Amino acid sequence: MKAAFSDDVLHNGYNSEVLELGDEQRMVLRVADHREATTLPFDQVRDRVRQAVEQHERQQQLAEHAQELVQQLRNGQKTQLNWQQIDSVTRRSGSDVDPDIIDAVFAMPRPEQGGTTYTHFSDNGRQVIVALQQVGQAEDNDDSNRIHSGLRSLEVQTAIDGLTSSLRQDADIKRH
């Protein structure tokens, strides 16, 4: 936005500087057409406004229904839900599990022995109900190995830095 609305690009007709979008993506902007911001007549936007309001109301109703279902589940009532079971979720479960679900699960209170805790959240227009049945202990080996590896790398880097510094101090450098 900053590049598109700069004086050189917007008013003088120049191309923008090269914009880096990612590792291998670059972009240059040139304004082909510019119209001042205006308020459109209601007749032109009526259908879009109606759709947006209807969509918002549907989402509200779905969220309320999901909350009612969660309350029923907490009260021990049966519901007609199609559950997708995911076992052994960790914070680094990878692409198999939606990251929003992982965040919701780790924000939930630990269930009592043999019990289940429930929650729900909105995710891109859908309502997700989560049931947590058990919390286990993470394996320390993976984290321990990662920590030891990191410390070893730090020791090696410190030794290399010390050696480099020592060599620079002892070196007799002549420039011509």
N, C-alpha and C. Protein backbone atom coordinates (compact mmCIF):
# COMPACT_ATOMS: atom_id res chain seq x y z
N MET A 1 0.83 -1.19 0.00
CA MET A 1 0.00 0.00 0.00
C MET A 1 0.87 1.25 0.00
N LYS A 2 1.93 1.20 0.80
CA LYS A 2 2.81 2.36 0.88
C LYS A 2 3.43 2.65 -0.47
N ALA A 3 3.87 1.61 -1.16
CA ALA A 3 4.49 1.78 -2.48
C ALA A 3 3.47 2.26 -3.50
N ALA A 4 2.27 1.71 -3.49
CA ALA A 4 1.25 2.06 -4.48
C ALA A 4 0.80 3.51 -4.34
N PHE A 5 0.78 4.03 -3.12
CA PHE A 5 0.29 5.38 -2.91
C PHE A 5 1.41 6.41 -2.71
N SER A 6 2.64 6.02 -3.03
CA SER A 6 3.73 7.01 -2.96
C SER A 6 3.54 8.00 -4.11
N ASP A 7 4.08 9.20 -3.97
CA ASP A 7 3.93 10.25 -4.99
C ASP A 7 4.49 9.82 -6.33
N ASP A 8 5.67 9.21 -6.33
CA ASP A 8 6.30 8.82 -7.60
C ASP A 8 5.44 7.82 -8.37
N VAL A 9 4.85 6.86 -7.67
CA VAL A 9 4.07 5.82 -8.34
C VAL A 9 2.68 6.33 -8.67
N LEU A 10 2.00 6.95 -7.71
CA LEU A 10 0.61 7.35 -7.90
C LEU A 10 0.46 8.57 -8.81
N HIS A 11 1.27 9.58 -8.60
CA HIS A 11 1.08 10.85 -9.33
C HIS A 11 2.03 11.03 -10.51
N ASN A 12 3.26 10.51 -10.40
CA ASN A 12 4.26 10.75 -11.44
C ASN A 12 4.34 9.62 -12.47
N GLY A 13 3.66 8.52 -12.25
CA GLY A 13 3.62 7.45 -13.24
C GLY A 13 4.83 6.53 -13.25
N TYR A 14 5.69 6.60 -12.24
CA TYR A 14 6.86 5.73 -12.18
C TYR A 14 6.49 4.35 -11.64
N ASN A 15 7.36 3.39 -11.92
CA ASN A 15 7.23 2.08 -11.30
C ASN A 15 7.70 2.17 -9.86
N SER A 16 7.22 1.28 -9.03
CA SER A 16 7.66 1.25 -7.63
C SER A 16 9.04 0.60 -7.55
N GLU A 17 9.64 0.70 -6.40
CA GLU A 17 10.86 -0.06 -6.14
C GLU A 17 10.48 -1.54 -6.15
N VAL A 18 11.45 -2.42 -6.24
CA VAL A 18 11.18 -3.86 -6.18
C VAL A 18 10.76 -4.20 -4.75
N LEU A 19 9.60 -4.84 -4.66
CA LEU A 19 9.06 -5.24 -3.36
C LEU A 19 9.31 -6.73 -3.17
N GLU A 20 9.91 -7.10 -2.06
CA GLU A 20 10.17 -8.51 -1.77
C GLU A 20 8.97 -9.08 -1.02
N LEU A 21 8.32 -10.08 -1.63
CA LEU A 21 7.15 -10.70 -1.03
C LEU A 21 7.49 -11.99 -0.30
N GLY A 22 8.58 -12.59 -0.65
CA GLY A 22 9.00 -13.84 -0.04
C GLY A 22 10.39 -14.18 -0.50
N ASP A 23 10.80 -15.42 -0.22
CA ASP A 23 12.15 -15.84 -0.59
C ASP A 23 12.41 -15.72 -2.08
N GLU A 24 11.45 -16.13 -2.89
CA GLU A 24 11.66 -16.11 -4.32
C GLU A 24 10.59 -15.32 -5.05
N GLN A 25 9.97 -14.38 -4.36
CA GLN A 25 8.91 -13.60 -4.98
C GLN A 25 9.22 -12.12 -4.87
N ARG A 26 9.17 -11.46 -6.00
CA ARG A 26 9.39 -10.02 -6.06
C ARG A 26 8.25 -9.41 -6.86
N MET A 27 8.00 -8.13 -6.65
CA MET A 27 6.91 -7.48 -7.37
C MET A 27 7.27 -6.01 -7.58
N VAL A 28 6.86 -5.48 -8.72
CA VAL A 28 6.99 -4.06 -9.02
C VAL A 28 5.60 -3.56 -9.37
N LEU A 29 5.20 -2.43 -8.79
CA LEU A 29 3.88 -1.86 -9.03
C LEU A 29 3.94 -0.71 -10.01
N ARG A 30 2.89 -0.59 -10.81
CA ARG A 30 2.70 0.57 -11.68
C ARG A 30 1.20 0.84 -11.69
N VAL A 31 0.82 2.05 -11.44
CA VAL A 31 -0.59 2.40 -11.38
C VAL A 31 -1.14 2.56 -12.79
N ALA A 32 -2.10 1.72 -13.13
CA ALA A 32 -2.74 1.80 -14.45
C ALA A 32 -3.97 2.70 -14.38
N ASP A 33 -4.65 2.69 -13.25
CA ASP A 33 -5.87 3.49 -13.10
C ASP A 33 -6.05 3.81 -11.63
N HIS A 34 -6.44 5.03 -11.34
CA HIS A 34 -6.68 5.42 -9.96
C HIS A 34 -7.95 6.24 -9.89
N ARG A 35 -8.82 5.84 -8.98
CA ARG A 35 -10.04 6.60 -8.73
C ARG A 35 -10.06 7.02 -7.27
N GLU A 36 -10.49 8.22 -7.04
CA GLU A 36 -10.59 8.71 -5.67
C GLU A 36 -11.62 7.88 -4.90
N ALA A 37 -11.43 7.76 -3.61
CA ALA A 37 -12.37 7.01 -2.77
C ALA A 37 -13.72 7.72 -2.78
N THR A 38 -14.76 6.93 -2.97
CA THR A 38 -16.11 7.48 -2.97
C THR A 38 -17.03 6.55 -2.21
N THR A 39 -18.18 7.07 -1.84
CA THR A 39 -19.21 6.26 -1.22
C THR A 39 -20.16 5.83 -2.32
N LEU A 40 -20.33 4.53 -2.45
CA LEU A 40 -21.20 4.01 -3.49
C LEU A 40 -22.66 4.16 -3.08
N PRO A 41 -23.55 4.35 -4.04
CA PRO A 41 -24.97 4.43 -3.72
C PRO A 41 -25.46 3.11 -3.14
N PHE A 42 -26.42 3.19 -2.24
CA PHE A 42 -26.93 2.00 -1.57
C PHE A 42 -27.45 0.96 -2.56
N ASP A 43 -28.06 1.42 -3.65
CA ASP A 43 -28.60 0.48 -4.65
C ASP A 43 -27.50 -0.43 -5.21
N GLN A 44 -26.27 0.09 -5.33
CA GLN A 44 -25.17 -0.71 -5.88
C GLN A 44 -24.63 -1.72 -4.87
N VAL A 45 -24.75 -1.45 -3.59
CA VAL A 45 -24.16 -2.33 -2.59
C VAL A 45 -25.20 -3.09 -1.76
N ARG A 46 -26.47 -2.90 -2.07
CA ARG A 46 -27.55 -3.52 -1.28
C ARG A 46 -27.37 -5.02 -1.16
N ASP A 47 -27.13 -5.71 -2.27
CA ASP A 47 -27.01 -7.17 -2.24
C ASP A 47 -25.80 -7.62 -1.41
N ARG A 48 -24.68 -6.92 -1.55
CA ARG A 48 -23.49 -7.28 -0.77
C ARG A 48 -23.72 -7.05 0.72
N VAL A 49 -24.39 -5.95 1.05
CA VAL A 49 -24.68 -5.66 2.46
C VAL A 49 -25.62 -6.72 3.01
N ARG A 50 -26.64 -7.07 2.25
CA ARG A 50 -27.61 -8.10 2.70
C ARG A 50 -26.88 -9.42 2.94
N GLN A 51 -26.03 -9.82 1.99
CA GLN A 51 -25.28 -11.07 2.15
C GLN A 51 -24.38 -11.04 3.38
N ALA A 52 -23.72 -9.92 3.60
CA ALA A 52 -22.82 -9.80 4.75
C ALA A 52 -23.60 -9.90 6.06
N VAL A 53 -24.76 -9.24 6.11
CA VAL A 53 -25.58 -9.28 7.32
C VAL A 53 -26.11 -10.69 7.55
N GLU A 54 -26.58 -11.33 6.48
CA GLU A 54 -27.09 -12.70 6.61
C GLU A 54 -25.98 -13.66 7.05
N GLN A 55 -24.80 -13.50 6.50
CA GLN A 55 -23.67 -14.34 6.88
C GLN A 55 -23.32 -14.13 8.35
N HIS A 56 -23.32 -12.88 8.79
CA HIS A 56 -23.03 -12.57 10.19
C HIS A 56 -24.07 -13.19 11.12
N GLU A 57 -25.35 -13.09 10.74
CA GLU A 57 -26.42 -13.67 11.55
C GLU A 57 -26.30 -15.20 11.60
N ARG A 58 -25.97 -15.84 10.47
CA ARG A 58 -25.78 -17.29 10.47
C ARG A 58 -24.65 -17.69 11.40
N GLN A 59 -23.55 -16.92 11.35
CA GLN A 59 -22.42 -17.24 12.22
C GLN A 59 -22.80 -17.08 13.69
N GLN A 60 -23.56 -16.05 13.99
CA GLN A 60 -24.03 -15.84 15.37
C GLN A 60 -24.89 -17.02 15.83
N GLN A 61 -25.82 -17.44 14.97
CA GLN A 61 -26.70 -18.55 15.31
C GLN A 61 -25.91 -19.85 15.47
N LEU A 62 -24.95 -20.09 14.59
CA LEU A 62 -24.12 -21.28 14.71
C LEU A 62 -23.30 -21.26 16.00
N ALA A 63 -22.75 -20.11 16.35
CA ALA A 63 -21.97 -19.99 17.58
C ALA A 63 -22.85 -20.26 18.80
N GLU A 64 -24.08 -19.71 18.79
CA GLU A 64 -25.01 -19.94 19.90
C GLU A 64 -25.38 -21.42 19.99
N HIS A 65 -25.63 -22.05 18.84
CA HIS A 65 -25.98 -23.47 18.82
C HIS A 65 -24.80 -24.31 19.33
N ALA A 66 -23.59 -23.97 18.90
CA ALA A 66 -22.41 -24.70 19.37
C ALA A 66 -22.25 -24.56 20.88
N GLN A 67 -22.50 -23.37 21.41
CA GLN A 67 -22.41 -23.15 22.86
C GLN A 67 -23.47 -23.98 23.58
N GLU A 68 -24.68 -24.06 23.02
CA GLU A 68 -25.73 -24.90 23.61
C GLU A 68 -25.31 -26.37 23.61
N LEU A 69 -24.71 -26.84 22.50
CA LEU A 69 -24.26 -28.22 22.43
C LEU A 69 -23.17 -28.50 23.47
N VAL A 70 -22.25 -27.56 23.63
CA VAL A 70 -21.19 -27.72 24.63
C VAL A 70 -21.80 -27.81 26.02
N GLN A 71 -22.79 -26.97 26.29
CA GLN A 71 -23.45 -27.00 27.60
C GLN A 71 -24.16 -28.34 27.82
N GLN A 72 -24.83 -28.85 26.78
CA GLN A 72 -25.48 -30.16 26.87
C GLN A 72 -24.45 -31.26 27.16
N LEU A 73 -23.32 -31.21 26.47
CA LEU A 73 -22.26 -32.19 26.69
C LEU A 73 -21.72 -32.11 28.11
N ARG A 74 -21.54 -30.90 28.61
CA ARG A 74 -21.06 -30.73 29.99
C ARG A 74 -22.06 -31.26 31.00
N ASN A 75 -23.35 -31.19 30.65
CA ASN A 75 -24.40 -31.69 31.54
C ASN A 75 -24.60 -33.20 31.40
N GLY A 76 -23.83 -33.84 30.53
CA GLY A 76 -23.92 -35.28 30.37
C GLY A 76 -24.96 -35.75 29.37
N GLN A 77 -25.57 -34.82 28.63
CA GLN A 77 -26.57 -35.20 27.65
C GLN A 77 -25.88 -35.69 26.37
N LYS A 78 -26.57 -36.56 25.66
CA LYS A 78 -26.04 -37.07 24.39
C LYS A 78 -26.42 -36.09 23.27
N THR A 79 -25.53 -35.99 22.28
CA THR A 79 -25.78 -35.12 21.13
C THR A 79 -25.49 -35.90 19.86
N GLN A 80 -26.02 -35.44 18.76
CA GLN A 80 -25.77 -36.06 17.46
C GLN A 80 -24.67 -35.30 16.74
N LEU A 81 -23.44 -35.57 17.12
CA LEU A 81 -22.29 -34.93 16.48
C LEU A 81 -21.40 -35.98 15.84
N ASN A 82 -20.81 -35.64 14.73
CA ASN A 82 -19.83 -36.52 14.08
C ASN A 82 -18.46 -36.09 14.58
N TRP A 83 -17.86 -36.89 15.44
CA TRP A 83 -16.59 -36.55 16.04
C TRP A 83 -15.44 -37.06 15.19
N GLN A 84 -14.41 -36.28 15.10
CA GLN A 84 -13.17 -36.70 14.48
C GLN A 84 -12.18 -36.88 15.62
N GLN A 85 -11.71 -38.09 15.84
CA GLN A 85 -10.82 -38.36 16.96
C GLN A 85 -9.37 -38.17 16.55
N ILE A 86 -8.65 -37.45 17.38
CA ILE A 86 -7.22 -37.22 17.16
C ILE A 86 -6.51 -37.65 18.44
N ASP A 87 -5.60 -38.58 18.32
CA ASP A 87 -4.87 -39.09 19.48
C ASP A 87 -3.48 -38.46 19.55
N SER A 88 -2.99 -38.31 20.76
CA SER A 88 -1.61 -37.88 21.01
C SER A 88 -1.27 -36.57 20.32
N VAL A 89 -1.99 -35.54 20.63
CA VAL A 89 -1.70 -34.21 20.07
C VAL A 89 -0.60 -33.56 20.91
N THR A 90 0.39 -33.03 20.23
CA THR A 90 1.43 -32.25 20.89
C THR A 90 1.43 -30.84 20.31
N ARG A 91 2.15 -29.95 20.93
CA ARG A 91 2.21 -28.57 20.42
C ARG A 91 2.85 -28.53 19.04
N ARG A 92 3.65 -29.53 18.73
CA ARG A 92 4.31 -29.60 17.43
C ARG A 92 3.76 -30.76 16.61
N SER A 93 2.45 -30.91 16.58
CA SER A 93 1.84 -32.04 15.89
C SER A 93 2.01 -31.98 14.38
N GLY A 94 2.42 -30.87 13.86
CA GLY A 94 2.65 -30.77 12.42
C GLY A 94 1.38 -30.45 11.66
N SER A 95 1.41 -30.71 10.36
CA SER A 95 0.31 -30.31 9.49
C SER A 95 -0.89 -31.24 9.59
N ASP A 96 -0.79 -32.35 10.34
CA ASP A 96 -1.91 -33.28 10.46
C ASP A 96 -3.09 -32.65 11.19
N VAL A 97 -2.80 -31.77 12.14
CA VAL A 97 -3.83 -31.19 12.99
C VAL A 97 -3.85 -29.69 12.78
N ASP A 98 -5.05 -29.14 12.64
CA ASP A 98 -5.24 -27.70 12.48
C ASP A 98 -4.62 -26.98 13.68
N PRO A 99 -3.73 -26.00 13.45
CA PRO A 99 -3.09 -25.29 14.56
C PRO A 99 -4.09 -24.61 15.50
N ASP A 100 -5.24 -24.17 14.98
CA ASP A 100 -6.24 -23.55 15.85
C ASP A 100 -6.81 -24.57 16.82
N ILE A 101 -6.96 -25.81 16.38
CA ILE A 101 -7.44 -26.86 17.28
C ILE A 101 -6.40 -27.15 18.35
N ILE A 102 -5.14 -27.19 17.96
CA ILE A 102 -4.07 -27.41 18.94
C ILE A 102 -4.07 -26.30 19.98
N ASP A 103 -4.20 -25.05 19.54
CA ASP A 103 -4.25 -23.92 20.48
C ASP A 103 -5.42 -24.06 21.44
N ALA A 104 -6.59 -24.45 20.90
CA ALA A 104 -7.78 -24.60 21.74
C ALA A 104 -7.59 -25.72 22.76
N VAL A 105 -7.01 -26.83 22.33
CA VAL A 105 -6.81 -27.96 23.24
C VAL A 105 -5.86 -27.58 24.37
N PHE A 106 -4.78 -26.89 24.06
CA PHE A 106 -3.81 -26.54 25.10
C PHE A 106 -4.29 -25.40 26.00
N ALA A 107 -5.37 -24.73 25.62
CA ALA A 107 -5.95 -23.70 26.47
C ALA A 107 -7.02 -24.27 27.40
N MET A 108 -7.41 -25.52 27.16
CA MET A 108 -8.49 -26.14 27.94
C MET A 108 -7.97 -26.60 29.30
N PRO A 109 -8.86 -26.61 30.31
CA PRO A 109 -8.46 -27.17 31.60
C PRO A 109 -8.32 -28.69 31.51
N ARG A 110 -7.47 -29.24 32.33
CA ARG A 110 -7.24 -30.69 32.36
C ARG A 110 -8.52 -31.37 32.86
N PRO A 111 -8.96 -32.41 32.15
CA PRO A 111 -10.17 -33.12 32.61
C PRO A 111 -9.88 -33.92 33.87
N GLU A 112 -10.93 -34.10 34.68
CA GLU A 112 -10.79 -34.95 35.86
C GLU A 112 -10.63 -36.39 35.41
N GLN A 113 -10.10 -37.22 36.28
CA GLN A 113 -9.86 -38.63 35.95
C GLN A 113 -11.14 -39.28 35.41
N GLY A 114 -11.08 -39.78 34.17
CA GLY A 114 -12.23 -40.44 33.56
C GLY A 114 -13.26 -39.48 33.00
N GLY A 115 -13.04 -38.19 33.12
CA GLY A 115 -13.99 -37.20 32.63
C GLY A 115 -13.55 -36.59 31.31
N THR A 116 -14.36 -35.66 30.83
CA THR A 116 -14.08 -34.97 29.58
C THR A 116 -14.37 -33.49 29.75
N THR A 117 -13.54 -32.63 29.19
CA THR A 117 -13.84 -31.20 29.16
C THR A 117 -14.15 -30.81 27.73
N TYR A 118 -15.00 -29.79 27.58
CA TYR A 118 -15.47 -29.37 26.26
C TYR A 118 -15.26 -27.88 26.08
N THR A 119 -15.06 -27.48 24.83
CA THR A 119 -15.02 -26.08 24.46
C THR A 119 -15.40 -25.97 22.99
N HIS A 120 -15.60 -24.74 22.54
CA HIS A 120 -15.84 -24.52 21.11
C HIS A 120 -15.20 -23.20 20.72
N PHE A 121 -14.90 -23.08 19.42
CA PHE A 121 -14.35 -21.83 18.89
C PHE A 121 -14.75 -21.71 17.44
N SER A 122 -14.67 -20.48 16.93
CA SER A 122 -14.96 -20.21 15.52
C SER A 122 -13.66 -20.25 14.75
N ASP A 123 -13.71 -20.87 13.57
CA ASP A 123 -12.52 -20.98 12.75
C ASP A 123 -12.91 -20.80 11.29
N ASN A 124 -12.67 -19.60 10.75
CA ASN A 124 -12.95 -19.31 9.34
C ASN A 124 -14.37 -19.70 8.94
N GLY A 125 -15.33 -19.27 9.71
CA GLY A 125 -16.72 -19.49 9.35
C GLY A 125 -17.30 -20.82 9.82
N ARG A 126 -16.50 -21.65 10.45
CA ARG A 126 -17.05 -22.90 10.97
C ARG A 126 -16.94 -22.90 12.49
N GLN A 127 -17.85 -23.64 13.13
CA GLN A 127 -17.83 -23.77 14.58
C GLN A 127 -17.22 -25.12 14.91
N VAL A 128 -16.23 -25.13 15.76
CA VAL A 128 -15.53 -26.36 16.12
C VAL A 128 -15.76 -26.63 17.60
N ILE A 129 -16.25 -27.84 17.90
CA ILE A 129 -16.43 -28.26 19.29
C ILE A 129 -15.33 -29.27 19.58
N VAL A 130 -14.63 -29.06 20.69
CA VAL A 130 -13.50 -29.90 21.05
C VAL A 130 -13.81 -30.58 22.37
N ALA A 131 -13.57 -31.89 22.42
CA ALA A 131 -13.70 -32.67 23.64
C ALA A 131 -12.31 -33.19 24.02
N LEU A 132 -11.88 -32.89 25.23
CA LEU A 132 -10.58 -33.33 25.72
C LEU A 132 -10.82 -34.40 26.76
N GLN A 133 -10.30 -35.60 26.51
CA GLN A 133 -10.57 -36.72 27.40
C GLN A 133 -9.39 -37.05 28.32
N GLN A 134 -8.18 -36.79 27.87
CA GLN A 134 -7.04 -37.20 28.66
C GLN A 134 -5.84 -36.33 28.34
N VAL A 135 -5.04 -36.04 29.35
CA VAL A 135 -3.80 -35.29 29.16
C VAL A 135 -2.66 -36.19 29.64
N GLY A 136 -1.69 -36.39 28.77
CA GLY A 136 -0.55 -37.23 29.12
C GLY A 136 0.69 -36.39 29.34
N GLN A 137 1.75 -37.06 29.68
CA GLN A 137 3.03 -36.41 29.88
C GLN A 137 3.82 -36.47 28.57
N ALA A 138 4.46 -35.38 28.23
CA ALA A 138 5.29 -35.35 27.03
C ALA A 138 6.58 -36.12 27.28
N GLU A 139 7.10 -36.69 26.24
CA GLU A 139 8.39 -37.38 26.34
C GLU A 139 9.49 -36.35 26.47
N ASP A 140 10.28 -36.48 27.52
CA ASP A 140 11.37 -35.53 27.74
C ASP A 140 12.55 -35.77 26.82
N ASN A 141 12.66 -36.97 26.26
CA ASN A 141 13.83 -37.30 25.44
C ASN A 141 14.00 -36.35 24.28
N ASP A 142 12.90 -36.05 23.57
CA ASP A 142 12.99 -35.19 22.39
C ASP A 142 13.46 -33.79 22.77
N ASP A 143 12.84 -33.20 23.81
CA ASP A 143 13.24 -31.87 24.24
C ASP A 143 14.65 -31.88 24.83
N SER A 144 14.97 -32.93 25.58
CA SER A 144 16.29 -33.02 26.18
C SER A 144 17.37 -33.11 25.11
N ASN A 145 17.13 -33.93 24.09
CA ASN A 145 18.10 -34.04 22.99
C ASN A 145 18.28 -32.71 22.27
N ARG A 146 17.17 -31.99 22.06
CA ARG A 146 17.23 -30.70 21.38
C ARG A 146 18.01 -29.69 22.23
N ILE A 147 17.80 -29.71 23.53
CA ILE A 147 18.52 -28.78 24.42
C ILE A 147 20.01 -29.10 24.43
N HIS A 148 20.34 -30.38 24.56
CA HIS A 148 21.75 -30.78 24.56
C HIS A 148 22.42 -30.41 23.25
N SER A 149 21.74 -30.63 22.15
CA SER A 149 22.29 -30.28 20.84
C SER A 149 22.53 -28.78 20.73
N GLY A 150 21.56 -27.99 21.22
CA GLY A 150 21.70 -26.54 21.19
C GLY A 150 22.87 -26.07 22.05
N LEU A 151 23.01 -26.66 23.24
CA LEU A 151 24.13 -26.29 24.12
C LEU A 151 25.47 -26.66 23.50
N ARG A 152 25.53 -27.82 22.88
CA ARG A 152 26.78 -28.25 22.23
C ARG A 152 27.14 -27.29 21.10
N SER A 153 26.13 -26.89 20.30
CA SER A 153 26.38 -25.93 19.22
C SER A 153 26.89 -24.61 19.78
N LEU A 154 26.30 -24.18 20.91
CA LEU A 154 26.74 -22.93 21.54
C LEU A 154 28.18 -23.04 22.02
N GLU A 155 28.55 -24.20 22.61
CA GLU A 155 29.93 -24.40 23.06
C GLU A 155 30.90 -24.34 21.89
N VAL A 156 30.54 -25.00 20.80
CA VAL A 156 31.41 -25.01 19.62
C VAL A 156 31.56 -23.60 19.06
N GLN A 157 30.45 -22.86 18.96
CA GLN A 157 30.51 -21.50 18.42
C GLN A 157 31.35 -20.60 19.32
N THR A 158 31.21 -20.76 20.64
CA THR A 158 32.01 -19.97 21.58
C THR A 158 33.49 -20.28 21.41
N ALA A 159 33.83 -21.55 21.25
CA ALA A 159 35.24 -21.93 21.05
C ALA A 159 35.78 -21.33 19.76
N ILE A 160 34.99 -21.38 18.70
CA ILE A 160 35.42 -20.82 17.41
C ILE A 160 35.60 -19.31 17.53
N ASP A 161 34.65 -18.63 18.20
CA ASP A 161 34.78 -17.18 18.39
C ASP A 161 36.03 -16.83 19.19
N GLY A 162 36.30 -17.61 20.25
CA GLY A 162 37.50 -17.37 21.07
C GLY A 162 38.77 -17.58 20.27
N LEU A 163 38.82 -18.64 19.46
CA LEU A 163 39.99 -18.92 18.64
C LEU A 163 40.19 -17.81 17.61
N THR A 164 39.12 -17.38 16.96
CA THR A 164 39.21 -16.32 15.97
C THR A 164 39.72 -15.03 16.60
N SER A 165 39.19 -14.69 17.77
CA SER A 165 39.61 -13.48 18.47
C SER A 165 41.08 -13.56 18.85
N SER A 166 41.51 -14.71 19.33
CA SER A 166 42.91 -14.91 19.71
C SER A 166 43.83 -14.78 18.50
N LEU A 167 43.44 -15.38 17.40
CA LEU A 167 44.26 -15.30 16.19
C LEU A 167 44.37 -13.86 15.69
N ARG A 168 43.29 -13.11 15.78
CA ARG A 168 43.34 -11.71 15.34
C ARG A 168 44.26 -10.88 16.22
N GLN A 169 44.24 -11.15 17.52
CA GLN A 169 45.10 -10.40 18.43
C GLN A 169 46.57 -10.71 18.21
N ASP A 170 46.88 -11.98 17.93
CA ASP A 170 48.27 -12.40 17.76
C ASP A 170 48.80 -12.19 16.36
N ALA A 171 47.95 -11.91 15.42
CA ALA A 171 48.37 -11.78 14.02
C ALA A 171 49.10 -10.46 13.78
N ASP A 172 50.09 -10.55 12.92
CA ASP A 172 50.83 -9.36 12.53
C ASP A 172 50.44 -9.07 11.09
N ILE A 173 49.48 -8.15 10.92
CA ILE A 173 48.92 -7.89 9.59
C ILE A 173 49.55 -6.60 9.05
N LYS A 174 50.07 -6.71 7.83
CA LYS A 174 50.65 -5.55 7.18
C LYS A 174 49.81 -5.28 5.93
N ARG A 175 49.47 -4.07 5.74
CA ARG A 175 48.70 -3.70 4.54
C ARG A 175 49.57 -2.87 3.63
N HIS A 176 49.47 -3.10 2.35
CA HIS A 176 50.29 -2.36 1.35
C HIS A 176 49.44 -1.40 0.60
